[in-house]
Protein backbone atom coordinates (compact mmCIF):
# COMPACT_ATOMS: atom_id res chain seq x y z
CA MET A 1 -24.96 -20.21 119.92
CA LYS A 2 -25.18 -17.62 117.18
CA LYS A 3 -28.50 -17.59 115.37
CA ARG A 4 -28.33 -18.50 111.69
CA PHE A 5 -30.76 -16.92 109.27
CA ARG A 6 -32.32 -18.83 106.41
CA TYR A 7 -31.96 -17.17 103.05
CA LYS A 8 -34.64 -17.97 100.48
CA LEU A 9 -34.82 -17.46 96.74
CA CYS A 10 -37.18 -14.70 95.55
CA VAL A 11 -40.59 -16.01 94.47
CA VAL A 12 -40.61 -13.85 91.34
CA LYS A 13 -39.48 -15.91 88.38
CA GLY A 14 -36.24 -14.62 86.89
CA CYS A 15 -35.14 -12.93 90.14
CA TYR A 16 -32.32 -14.94 91.68
CA ASN A 17 -31.76 -12.86 94.81
CA LYS A 18 -31.52 -14.81 98.05
CA ILE A 19 -33.05 -12.86 100.90
CA ARG A 20 -34.27 -13.29 104.44
CA ASN A 21 -37.50 -11.32 104.08
CA ILE A 22 -39.16 -12.24 100.78
CA ARG A 23 -42.25 -10.09 101.41
CA ARG A 24 -40.17 -6.96 101.93
CA HIS A 25 -37.99 -7.78 98.92
CA VAL A 26 -40.99 -8.18 96.60
CA TYR A 27 -42.50 -4.89 97.76
CA GLU A 28 -39.25 -2.94 97.43
CA GLN A 29 -37.83 -4.51 94.28
CA HIS A 30 -40.79 -5.61 92.16
CA LEU A 31 -43.87 -3.50 92.98
CA PRO A 32 -44.60 0.17 92.15
CA VAL A 33 -45.20 2.71 94.88
CA GLU A 34 -49.02 2.66 94.63
CA LEU A 35 -49.07 -1.04 95.54
CA GLN A 36 -47.10 -0.54 98.76
CA VAL A 37 -49.23 -1.33 101.82
CA GLN A 38 -48.93 2.18 103.25
CA TYR A 39 -50.33 3.77 100.07
CA ILE A 40 -52.64 1.23 98.50
CA THR A 41 -55.87 2.38 100.18
CA LYS A 42 -55.27 6.11 99.71
CA GLY A 43 -57.68 7.76 97.30
CA THR A 44 -54.76 9.43 95.53
CA PHE A 45 -53.56 6.06 94.29
CA ALA A 46 -56.88 4.33 93.50
CA GLU A 47 -56.70 4.87 89.75
CA ARG A 48 -53.00 4.03 89.64
CA ARG A 49 -53.34 0.68 91.36
CA ARG A 50 -56.31 -0.20 89.14
CA ALA A 51 -54.23 0.68 86.06
CA ASP A 52 -51.49 -1.67 87.29
CA LEU A 53 -53.92 -4.59 87.33
CA VAL A 54 -55.39 -3.59 83.96
CA TYR A 55 -51.88 -3.79 82.51
CA LEU A 56 -51.43 -7.29 83.93
CA ALA A 57 -54.84 -8.31 82.62
CA ARG A 58 -54.00 -7.05 79.13
CA ARG A 59 -50.67 -8.84 79.04
CA LEU A 60 -51.78 -12.13 80.62
CA VAL A 61 -55.44 -12.69 79.67
CA GLY A 62 -55.89 -10.27 76.76
CA THR A 63 -58.61 -8.08 78.29
CA ASP A 64 -59.10 -5.05 80.51
CA GLN A 65 -61.57 -6.94 82.71
CA LEU A 66 -60.15 -7.56 86.18
CA GLU A 67 -62.80 -10.20 86.81
CA THR A 68 -61.30 -12.26 83.99
CA LEU A 69 -57.85 -11.91 85.54
CA PHE A 70 -59.30 -12.96 88.91
CA ASN A 71 -60.92 -16.06 87.40
CA SER A 72 -57.65 -16.98 85.73
CA VAL A 73 -55.77 -16.78 89.04
CA VAL A 74 -58.47 -18.89 90.74
CA ARG A 75 -58.18 -21.59 88.06
CA GLU A 76 -54.41 -21.76 88.24
CA ASN A 77 -54.31 -21.71 92.08
CA ALA A 78 -50.54 -21.22 91.91
CA VAL A 79 -49.91 -19.60 95.31
CA HIS A 80 -47.97 -21.88 97.66
CA HIS A 81 -50.36 -24.04 99.70
CA GLU A 82 -48.81 -22.94 103.00
CA ALA A 83 -49.17 -19.22 102.26
CA GLU A 84 -51.68 -17.34 104.39
CA VAL A 85 -52.98 -13.79 104.57
CA MET A 86 -51.30 -12.08 107.52
CA ALA A 87 -53.47 -10.38 110.12
CA GLY A 88 -51.95 -7.01 109.25
CA ASP A 89 -53.20 -7.32 105.66
CA VAL A 90 -56.85 -7.95 106.50
CA SER A 91 -57.77 -4.32 107.21
CA TRP A 92 -56.45 -2.93 103.93
CA LEU A 93 -57.98 -5.81 101.97
CA HIS A 94 -61.38 -5.01 103.50
CA ARG A 95 -60.79 -1.36 102.61
CA ILE A 96 -60.06 -2.32 98.98
CA CYS A 97 -63.34 -4.25 98.88
CA GLU A 98 -65.15 -1.18 100.18
CA MET A 99 -63.46 1.26 97.80
CA ASP A 100 -63.90 -0.94 94.71
CA GLY A 101 -67.43 -2.15 95.48
CA LEU A 102 -66.35 -5.77 95.91
CA PRO A 103 -68.23 -8.31 98.05
CA ARG A 104 -66.94 -8.41 101.61
CA VAL A 105 -65.56 -11.75 102.79
CA ASP A 106 -65.13 -12.88 106.39
CA ARG A 107 -61.79 -14.62 105.81
CA PHE A 108 -59.32 -14.08 102.99
CA VAL A 109 -57.60 -17.18 101.63
CA LEU A 110 -54.89 -17.52 98.99
CA HIS A 111 -55.35 -21.05 97.61
CA PRO A 112 -57.44 -20.46 95.68
CA ILE A 113 -58.00 -16.76 96.21
CA ASN A 114 -61.56 -15.94 97.25
CA SER A 115 -61.72 -12.19 96.61
CA GLN A 116 -60.77 -9.92 93.74
CA ALA A 117 -59.09 -7.68 96.33
CA LEU A 118 -56.43 -10.38 96.73
CA LEU A 119 -55.12 -9.52 93.26
CA TYR A 120 -53.29 -6.76 95.19
CA HIS A 121 -51.68 -9.23 97.61
CA TRP A 122 -47.92 -9.45 97.17
CA ARG A 123 -47.91 -13.23 96.72
CA VAL A 124 -50.52 -13.09 93.96
CA LEU A 125 -48.74 -10.17 92.29
CA ALA A 126 -45.42 -12.05 92.45
CA GLY A 127 -47.01 -14.93 90.55
CA LEU A 128 -48.47 -12.60 87.92
CA ILE A 129 -45.23 -10.66 87.47
CA SER A 130 -43.40 -13.96 86.97
CA LYS A 131 -45.34 -14.43 83.73
CA LEU A 132 -44.13 -11.13 82.27
CA THR A 133 -40.97 -10.72 80.27
CA GLU A 134 -38.03 -9.09 82.04
CA GLU A 135 -38.71 -5.81 80.24
CA GLU A 136 -42.42 -5.92 81.07
CA GLY A 137 -41.64 -6.64 84.71
CA GLN A 138 -39.35 -3.64 84.87
CA MET A 139 -42.00 -1.45 83.24
CA PHE A 140 -44.50 -2.66 85.82
CA GLN A 141 -42.16 -1.83 88.72
CA ASP A 142 -41.10 1.62 87.55
CA GLY A 143 -44.58 2.84 86.55
CA ARG A 144 -44.25 2.89 82.77
CA ALA A 145 -46.82 0.10 82.43
CA ARG A 146 -49.40 2.10 84.35
CA LEU A 147 -48.72 5.14 82.18
CA LEU A 148 -49.40 3.07 79.05
CA VAL A 149 -52.82 2.17 80.44
CA THR A 150 -53.78 5.68 81.58
CA ARG A 151 -52.67 7.20 78.28
CA SER A 152 -54.58 4.69 76.17
CA GLU A 153 -57.69 5.21 78.29
CA ALA A 154 -57.32 8.98 77.93
CA ARG A 155 -57.11 8.60 74.16
CA ASP A 156 -60.17 6.36 74.14
CA ARG A 157 -62.14 8.91 76.15
CA SER A 158 -61.01 11.78 73.96
CA ARG A 159 -62.27 9.99 70.85
CA THR A 160 -65.75 9.81 72.34
CA GLU A 161 -65.73 13.24 73.94
CA ARG A 162 -64.18 15.36 71.15
CA PRO A 163 -65.04 16.02 67.50
CA VAL A 164 -63.21 13.96 64.92
CA ASP A 165 -62.27 17.08 62.94
CA ARG A 166 -58.61 17.72 63.91
CA ARG A 167 -58.89 21.33 62.74
CA GLY A 168 -61.45 22.30 65.38
CA ALA A 169 -60.33 24.65 68.14
CA ASP A 170 -62.10 22.55 70.77
CA HIS A 171 -60.17 19.48 69.70
CA THR A 172 -56.82 21.24 69.63
CA GLN A 173 -57.33 22.75 73.08
CA GLY A 174 -58.35 19.41 74.57
CA ARG A 175 -55.44 17.41 73.12
CA GLN A 176 -52.59 19.77 74.02
CA ALA A 177 -51.13 19.33 77.51
CA VAL A 178 -48.21 19.03 79.79
CA SER A 179 -48.06 15.31 80.51
CA GLY A 180 -49.43 11.86 79.90
CA HIS A 181 -51.08 11.61 83.31
CA ARG A 182 -54.86 11.87 83.57
CA GLU A 183 -57.11 10.62 86.34
CA GLN A 184 -60.71 9.45 86.18
CA THR A 185 -62.12 12.83 87.20
CA GLY A 186 -60.81 14.22 83.91
CA GLN A 187 -59.20 17.28 85.50
CA ALA A 188 -55.55 16.33 85.54
CA VAL A 189 -52.91 17.13 82.99
CA ARG A 190 -53.18 15.59 79.50
CA GLN A 191 -50.39 14.43 77.27
CA VAL A 192 -49.28 16.43 74.26
CA ASP A 193 -50.11 14.49 71.11
CA GLN A 194 -47.07 14.65 68.86
CA GLN A 195 -49.32 14.95 65.83
CA ASP A 196 -50.86 18.13 67.20
CA HIS A 197 -49.27 21.53 67.81
CA ILE A 198 -46.60 20.54 70.32
CA ASP A 199 -45.27 24.07 70.53
CA GLN A 200 -48.25 25.13 72.64
CA PRO A 201 -48.72 22.73 75.58
CA VAL A 202 -51.38 24.00 77.96
CA VAL A 203 -52.79 23.01 81.32
CA ALA A 204 -56.36 21.85 81.78
CA PRO A 205 -58.34 23.83 84.39
CA PRO A 206 -59.26 22.15 87.66
CA SER A 207 -62.75 20.89 88.31
CA ALA A 208 -64.61 22.14 91.32
CA ASP A 209 -64.56 18.84 93.19
CA ASN A 210 -62.24 16.02 94.23
CA THR A 211 -59.00 18.01 94.01
CA GLN A 212 -57.93 18.07 97.62
CA ASP A 213 -55.98 14.82 97.89
CA ARG A 214 -53.98 14.62 94.71
CA PRO A 215 -51.26 16.64 93.03
CA ALA A 216 -52.21 18.22 89.72
CA THR A 217 -51.61 21.46 87.93
CA ALA A 218 -54.26 23.31 89.83
CA GLY A 219 -55.09 26.29 87.70
CA LEU A 220 -51.73 27.98 88.24
CA VAL A 221 -51.50 28.94 84.59
CA SER A 222 -53.76 30.14 81.85
CA GLN A 223 -54.74 27.95 78.93
CA THR A 224 -52.68 29.94 76.46
CA CYS A 225 -49.24 29.50 78.04
CA ILE A 226 -46.55 26.87 77.79
CA ALA A 227 -46.39 25.30 81.25
CA ALA A 228 -43.23 23.59 82.50
CA PHE A 229 -42.69 21.69 85.73
CA ASP A 230 -39.89 22.80 88.05
CA SER A 231 -38.39 19.54 89.28
CA HIS A 232 -36.37 21.12 92.11
CA PHE A 233 -37.03 24.21 94.21
CA HIS A 234 -37.00 25.04 97.92
CA LEU A 235 -40.34 26.42 99.03
CA ASP A 236 -39.24 26.53 102.68
CA ARG A 237 -36.03 28.43 101.97
CA CYS A 238 -37.89 30.86 99.72
CA SER A 239 -40.37 31.45 102.54
CA ARG A 240 -37.58 32.18 105.00
CA ARG A 241 -35.99 34.59 102.53
CA VAL A 242 -39.24 36.51 102.30
CA GLY A 243 -40.03 36.25 106.01
CA ARG A 244 -43.40 34.54 105.74
CA GLU A 245 -44.80 31.15 104.82
CA MET A 246 -45.62 30.95 101.14
CA SER A 247 -47.45 28.58 98.83
CA LEU A 248 -46.30 28.02 95.26
CA PRO A 249 -48.95 30.42 93.85
CA ASP A 250 -47.73 33.04 96.36
CA LEU A 251 -44.17 32.51 95.21
CA LEU A 252 -45.07 32.72 91.52
CA ALA A 253 -46.83 36.04 92.13
CA LEU A 254 -43.99 37.48 94.24
CA ASP A 255 -42.31 40.67 93.01
CA VAL A 256 -38.57 39.95 93.09
CA GLY A 257 -37.48 42.97 91.06
CA ALA A 258 -37.51 41.29 87.64
CA GLN A 259 -40.14 39.62 85.50
CA PRO A 260 -39.88 36.40 83.47
CA THR A 261 -39.75 37.09 79.75
CA SER A 262 -39.62 33.58 78.27
CA GLY A 263 -43.37 33.11 77.80
CA ILE A 264 -43.12 29.87 79.80
CA VAL A 265 -44.86 29.53 83.16
CA CYS A 266 -44.46 27.11 86.05
CA GLY A 267 -47.19 24.50 86.28
CA GLY A 268 -46.01 22.90 89.54
CA GLY A 269 -43.10 20.84 90.71
CA VAL A 270 -41.06 19.29 93.52
CA SER A 271 -40.39 21.27 96.70
CA VAL A 272 -37.22 20.03 98.41
CA HIS A 273 -36.87 20.21 102.21
CA CYS A 274 -33.37 19.30 103.37
CA ASP A 275 -32.60 21.43 106.43
CA PRO A 276 -32.86 19.26 109.58
CA LYS A 277 -33.97 22.21 111.71
CA TYR A 278 -36.80 23.04 109.30
CA LEU A 279 -38.13 19.67 108.18
CA PRO A 280 -41.89 20.06 107.73
CA VAL A 281 -43.98 19.38 110.80
CA ARG A 282 -47.12 19.70 108.70
CA ILE A 283 -47.00 18.44 105.11
CA PRO A 284 -48.24 21.22 102.80
CA ARG A 285 -51.14 20.03 100.63
CA GLU A 286 -50.92 21.82 97.32
CA ASN A 287 -52.40 20.28 94.21
CA SER A 288 -49.41 21.36 92.14
CA VAL A 289 -46.58 20.39 94.51
CA VAL A 290 -45.04 17.16 95.78
CA LEU A 291 -42.18 16.99 98.28
CA ALA A 292 -38.71 15.55 98.75
CA VAL A 293 -37.13 15.39 102.22
CA GLY A 294 -33.53 14.76 103.21
CA VAL A 295 -30.37 16.25 104.71
CA HIS A 296 -28.26 18.57 102.57
CA PRO A 297 -24.54 17.73 102.87
CA SER A 298 -23.88 21.23 104.21
CA HIS A 299 -26.04 20.26 107.20
CA ALA A 300 -24.33 16.92 107.85
CA ASN A 301 -23.25 18.12 111.30
CA GLU A 302 -26.94 18.48 112.26
CA TYR A 303 -27.76 14.88 111.41
CA SER A 304 -28.88 12.51 114.19
CA THR A 305 -30.92 9.38 114.84
CA HIS A 306 -33.88 11.66 115.56
CA VAL A 307 -33.51 13.28 112.12
CA TYR A 308 -33.31 9.83 110.50
CA ASN A 309 -36.52 8.71 112.22
CA THR A 310 -38.25 11.98 111.31
CA LEU A 311 -37.38 11.47 107.65
CA LYS A 312 -38.55 7.87 107.82
CA GLU A 313 -41.92 9.02 109.13
CA LEU A 314 -42.26 11.82 106.58
CA LEU A 315 -41.50 9.42 103.72
CA ARG A 316 -44.62 7.46 104.61
CA ASP A 317 -46.80 10.36 103.47
CA PRO A 318 -47.92 9.96 99.82
CA VAL A 319 -47.22 13.63 99.13
CA VAL A 320 -43.55 13.03 99.95
CA ARG A 321 -42.29 11.37 96.78
CA ALA A 322 -38.51 11.37 97.15
CA LEU A 323 -35.54 11.11 99.51
CA GLY A 324 -33.36 14.18 99.15
CA GLU A 325 -31.57 16.17 98.58
CA ILE A 326 -28.67 14.18 100.01
CA GLY A 327 -25.15 13.65 98.76
CA LEU A 328 -21.66 15.14 98.77
CA ASP A 329 -20.39 18.71 98.47
CA PHE A 330 -16.64 19.02 98.00
CA SER A 331 -16.84 22.81 97.81
CA LEU A 332 -17.09 22.64 101.61
CA PRO A 333 -13.93 22.29 103.74
CA PRO A 334 -12.17 18.91 103.27
CA ASP A 335 -12.37 18.15 106.98
CA SER A 336 -16.16 17.78 106.53
CA TRP A 337 -15.97 15.22 103.72
CA ASP A 338 -15.74 12.11 105.91
CA LEU A 339 -18.78 13.17 107.91
CA GLN A 340 -20.66 13.92 104.69
CA GLU A 341 -19.92 10.40 103.42
CA ARG A 342 -21.05 8.77 106.67
CA VAL A 343 -24.32 10.72 106.70
CA PHE A 344 -24.90 10.08 103.00
CA THR A 345 -24.36 6.34 103.43
CA ASP A 346 -26.61 6.20 106.49
CA LEU A 347 -29.44 8.03 104.72
CA LEU A 348 -29.33 5.55 101.85
CA GLY A 349 -30.84 3.11 104.34
CA LEU A 350 -34.11 4.93 103.63
CA ALA A 351 -33.85 4.31 99.88
CA MET A 352 -36.46 2.34 97.94
CA ASN A 353 -36.35 1.50 94.24
CA CYS A 354 -39.83 2.92 93.73
CA ARG A 355 -38.90 6.24 95.35
CA PRO A 356 -36.40 8.62 93.74
CA ILE A 357 -33.23 9.76 95.47
CA VAL A 358 -32.48 13.43 94.83
CA LEU A 359 -28.71 13.88 94.79
CA HIS A 360 -26.61 16.94 95.53
CA VAL A 361 -23.18 16.30 94.02
CA ARG A 362 -20.91 19.33 93.85
CA GLY A 363 -17.18 19.63 93.14
CA ARG A 364 -14.63 22.09 94.44
CA THR A 365 -15.65 24.51 91.69
CA HIS A 366 -18.43 24.79 89.13
CA GLU A 367 -16.17 23.17 86.52
CA ASP A 368 -14.33 20.62 88.64
CA GLY A 369 -16.68 17.82 89.69
CA GLY A 370 -15.07 14.63 88.41
CA GLU A 371 -13.76 13.54 91.81
CA VAL A 372 -17.01 14.02 93.70
CA TYR A 373 -19.20 12.48 90.97
CA HIS A 374 -16.96 9.40 91.02
CA ARG A 375 -17.06 9.10 94.82
CA ALA A 376 -20.84 9.56 95.01
CA LEU A 377 -21.30 6.89 92.35
CA GLN A 378 -19.09 4.47 94.32
CA ILE A 379 -21.16 4.97 97.47
CA LEU A 380 -24.45 4.49 95.63
CA LYS A 381 -23.28 1.33 93.85
CA ALA A 382 -22.40 -0.19 97.22
CA ASN A 383 -25.69 0.71 98.90
CA VAL A 384 -28.60 0.73 96.44
CA SER A 385 -29.99 -1.40 93.62
CA PRO A 386 -29.08 -0.80 89.95
CA VAL A 387 -32.78 -0.10 89.32
CA GLN A 388 -32.86 2.68 91.92
CA ARG A 389 -34.42 5.89 90.60
CA ILE A 390 -31.97 8.78 90.68
CA HIS A 391 -32.47 12.52 90.21
CA LEU A 392 -28.98 13.97 89.76
CA HIS A 393 -29.85 17.53 90.73
CA CYS A 394 -28.05 20.59 89.31
CA PHE A 395 -25.91 18.49 87.00
CA THR A 396 -22.72 20.20 85.77
CA GLY A 397 -20.62 17.17 84.81
CA THR A 398 -18.94 15.96 81.65
CA VAL A 399 -19.73 13.32 79.05
CA GLU A 400 -17.83 10.80 81.17
CA GLU A 401 -20.20 11.39 84.11
CA VAL A 402 -23.30 11.14 81.90
CA MET A 403 -22.14 7.80 80.52
CA SER A 404 -20.97 6.31 83.83
CA TRP A 405 -24.10 7.27 85.76
CA SER A 406 -26.45 6.22 82.94
CA SER A 407 -24.77 2.84 82.54
CA THR A 408 -24.79 2.19 86.30
CA PHE A 409 -28.35 3.35 86.98
CA GLN A 410 -30.77 2.88 84.11
CA HIS A 411 -33.26 5.22 85.82
CA CYS A 412 -30.86 8.12 86.33
CA TYR A 413 -32.32 11.53 85.42
CA PHE A 414 -30.24 14.69 85.05
CA GLY A 415 -31.55 17.99 86.40
CA ILE A 416 -30.37 21.17 84.67
CA THR A 417 -30.63 24.66 86.20
CA ASN A 418 -30.12 28.09 84.65
CA GLN A 419 -26.38 27.53 85.20
CA VAL A 420 -26.56 25.88 81.77
CA ALA A 421 -26.07 29.37 80.35
CA ARG A 422 -22.54 29.29 81.84
CA PHE A 423 -21.61 25.77 80.72
CA ASN A 424 -18.19 25.35 79.16
CA ARG A 425 -17.77 23.27 76.01
CA TYR A 426 -17.26 20.04 77.97
CA GLN A 427 -20.43 20.57 79.97
CA GLN A 428 -22.33 21.50 76.81
CA ALA A 429 -21.13 18.27 75.22
CA ALA A 430 -22.40 16.40 78.29
CA LEU A 431 -25.80 18.05 77.99
CA ARG A 432 -26.07 16.84 74.40
CA ARG A 433 -25.36 13.27 75.53
CA ILE A 434 -28.26 13.23 78.01
CA PRO A 435 -31.21 11.40 76.39
CA LEU A 436 -34.32 13.57 76.13
CA ASN A 437 -36.24 11.00 78.17
CA ARG A 438 -33.80 11.49 81.08
CA LEU A 439 -33.70 15.29 81.14
CA LEU A 440 -35.26 17.47 83.87
CA VAL A 441 -35.40 21.26 84.27
CA GLU A 442 -35.17 23.03 87.61
CA THR A 443 -34.64 26.47 89.15
CA ASP A 444 -33.20 25.45 92.54
CA SER A 445 -34.98 28.53 93.89
CA PRO A 446 -34.15 30.72 95.74
CA TYR A 447 -30.63 30.27 94.33
CA PHE A 448 -29.19 31.26 90.94
CA GLU A 449 -31.21 34.47 90.81
CA PRO A 450 -31.73 35.93 87.31
CA VAL A 451 -30.22 39.27 86.36
CA GLY A 452 -32.03 42.08 88.17
CA ALA A 453 -33.88 39.75 90.56
CA ARG A 454 -33.41 39.67 94.34
CA MET A 455 -33.97 35.90 94.37
CA ASN A 456 -34.92 33.12 92.03
CA THR A 457 -38.40 31.60 91.95
CA PRO A 458 -40.05 28.83 89.90
CA ALA A 459 -41.58 31.61 87.77
CA PHE A 460 -38.20 31.75 85.98
CA ILE A 461 -38.20 28.09 84.92
CA GLY A 462 -38.50 29.32 81.33
CA ASP A 463 -34.96 30.75 81.46
CA THR A 464 -33.58 27.24 81.88
CA VAL A 465 -35.85 25.80 79.19
CA ARG A 466 -34.89 28.48 76.71
CA SER A 467 -31.14 28.03 77.29
CA ILE A 468 -31.34 24.23 76.93
CA SER A 469 -33.49 24.58 73.82
CA GLY A 470 -30.87 26.77 72.19
CA LEU A 471 -27.97 24.45 73.03
CA LEU A 472 -29.74 21.29 71.94
CA GLY A 473 -31.51 22.73 68.91
CA VAL A 474 -34.80 21.30 70.19
CA GLU A 475 -38.00 23.30 69.81
CA ILE A 476 -39.22 24.68 73.17
CA GLY A 477 -42.62 22.99 73.11
CA GLN A 478 -41.09 19.61 72.35
CA LEU A 479 -38.48 20.07 75.08
CA VAL A 480 -41.15 20.95 77.65
CA GLN A 481 -43.17 17.94 76.59
CA HIS A 482 -40.22 15.66 77.34
CA THR A 483 -39.15 17.26 80.64
CA ASN A 484 -42.72 17.34 81.98
CA SER A 485 -43.29 13.71 81.08
CA ASN A 486 -39.94 12.75 82.65
CA MET A 487 -40.76 14.45 85.93
CA LEU A 488 -44.24 12.94 86.11
CA GLN A 489 -42.83 9.47 85.48
CA LEU A 490 -39.87 9.77 87.86
CA TYR A 491 -41.97 11.10 90.74
CA GLU A 492 -44.97 8.82 90.10
CA TRP A 493 -47.19 11.87 89.72
């Protein structure tokens, strides 16, 4: 007799999905990446997960105090009476107690909860999220809620640490920055205050300690330069071009026969590894770089179950922030298109809402991409959630593609390379329709080499910024502020 599975309604109020595995559904569809079991005890995510709870405390009990939130949950005792803490959760709950200085308990219980660490349990979080509005719940899941907390705390600290006089050089230097992300150590990147001089974002220097396990702009640039993040480059392919393994600082210092002239420097970015034969065996640990891993459509014939399992394992590392690049390339022979689609669809099995998918979508020519953009969108709609995060890399489409992708995936970001300088009037019109809060800049190094250069590197990210600035009529500093913030938010940096 064929086994019949029981489908249950999601425990998060307002979510009407019927699923077999509620735990998995809550983790994948309602919780941000830092609250996933595989990441929650990593030092990199300690401040992020705390900020998530602070947001819930502010919205639900009107205070930043997590103890007050805990007491509220104890009083309500709303977790189902049959719910229990699984054996696999005990170790990470004990680790949370140790990391956060909480009293250790011999046995965790959920009704009522007996430890503040249980505020991170998926059943407790599901109950808390149910009290948020739909918009607040989405902000919580996609990381915007956490950013609100970290930014407000950074502003509070700056008021106590800096002079009130807004004309002082010390104040101006401290307030200018590349992004809204700042960790407790005070050495990460600070957000540009729109009331200050936004045409001169700078990068804060690293402190001497506690920098090993987290990505930040690690002193790659001086404090007098505009620093932009490169949201897509291939460090491995650049290394093979040169013939030796290179770090991002090595690559930025490399003599390629031409020098950047934009006055904009690279402050870090996303290194994309998508060649099955060269997937990283050892994850590079650079403070200024996070990774994406996938299978480029031109390597679809190298795809296998082993490659799938390798990617699955790599995606468990907190430095690996995205799946990609994957997708479709119709500039390749038509007899490869079916295989590309099968591999693309299979790889989407690794997708998670809280992890971006980096897409390679390329038409027969630079100006003819309507067919492939439409087909890629069809495949995604059939295989991933509408709240999936998307990085549409090297976008060269039309207004129609901007509108269709944006309406289908509310978290779709559009990456623009230096090919923007060759955009026709339809592509330029499409660029103008991309909201500033969904725009990314990228070099796609080592490709699209600048005039006079043997290869492209992230050092030339300013060429892209300058071209976009001219087409949009947006001041360079303001544009960099937006694209940096977008990349940090998309990649949960």
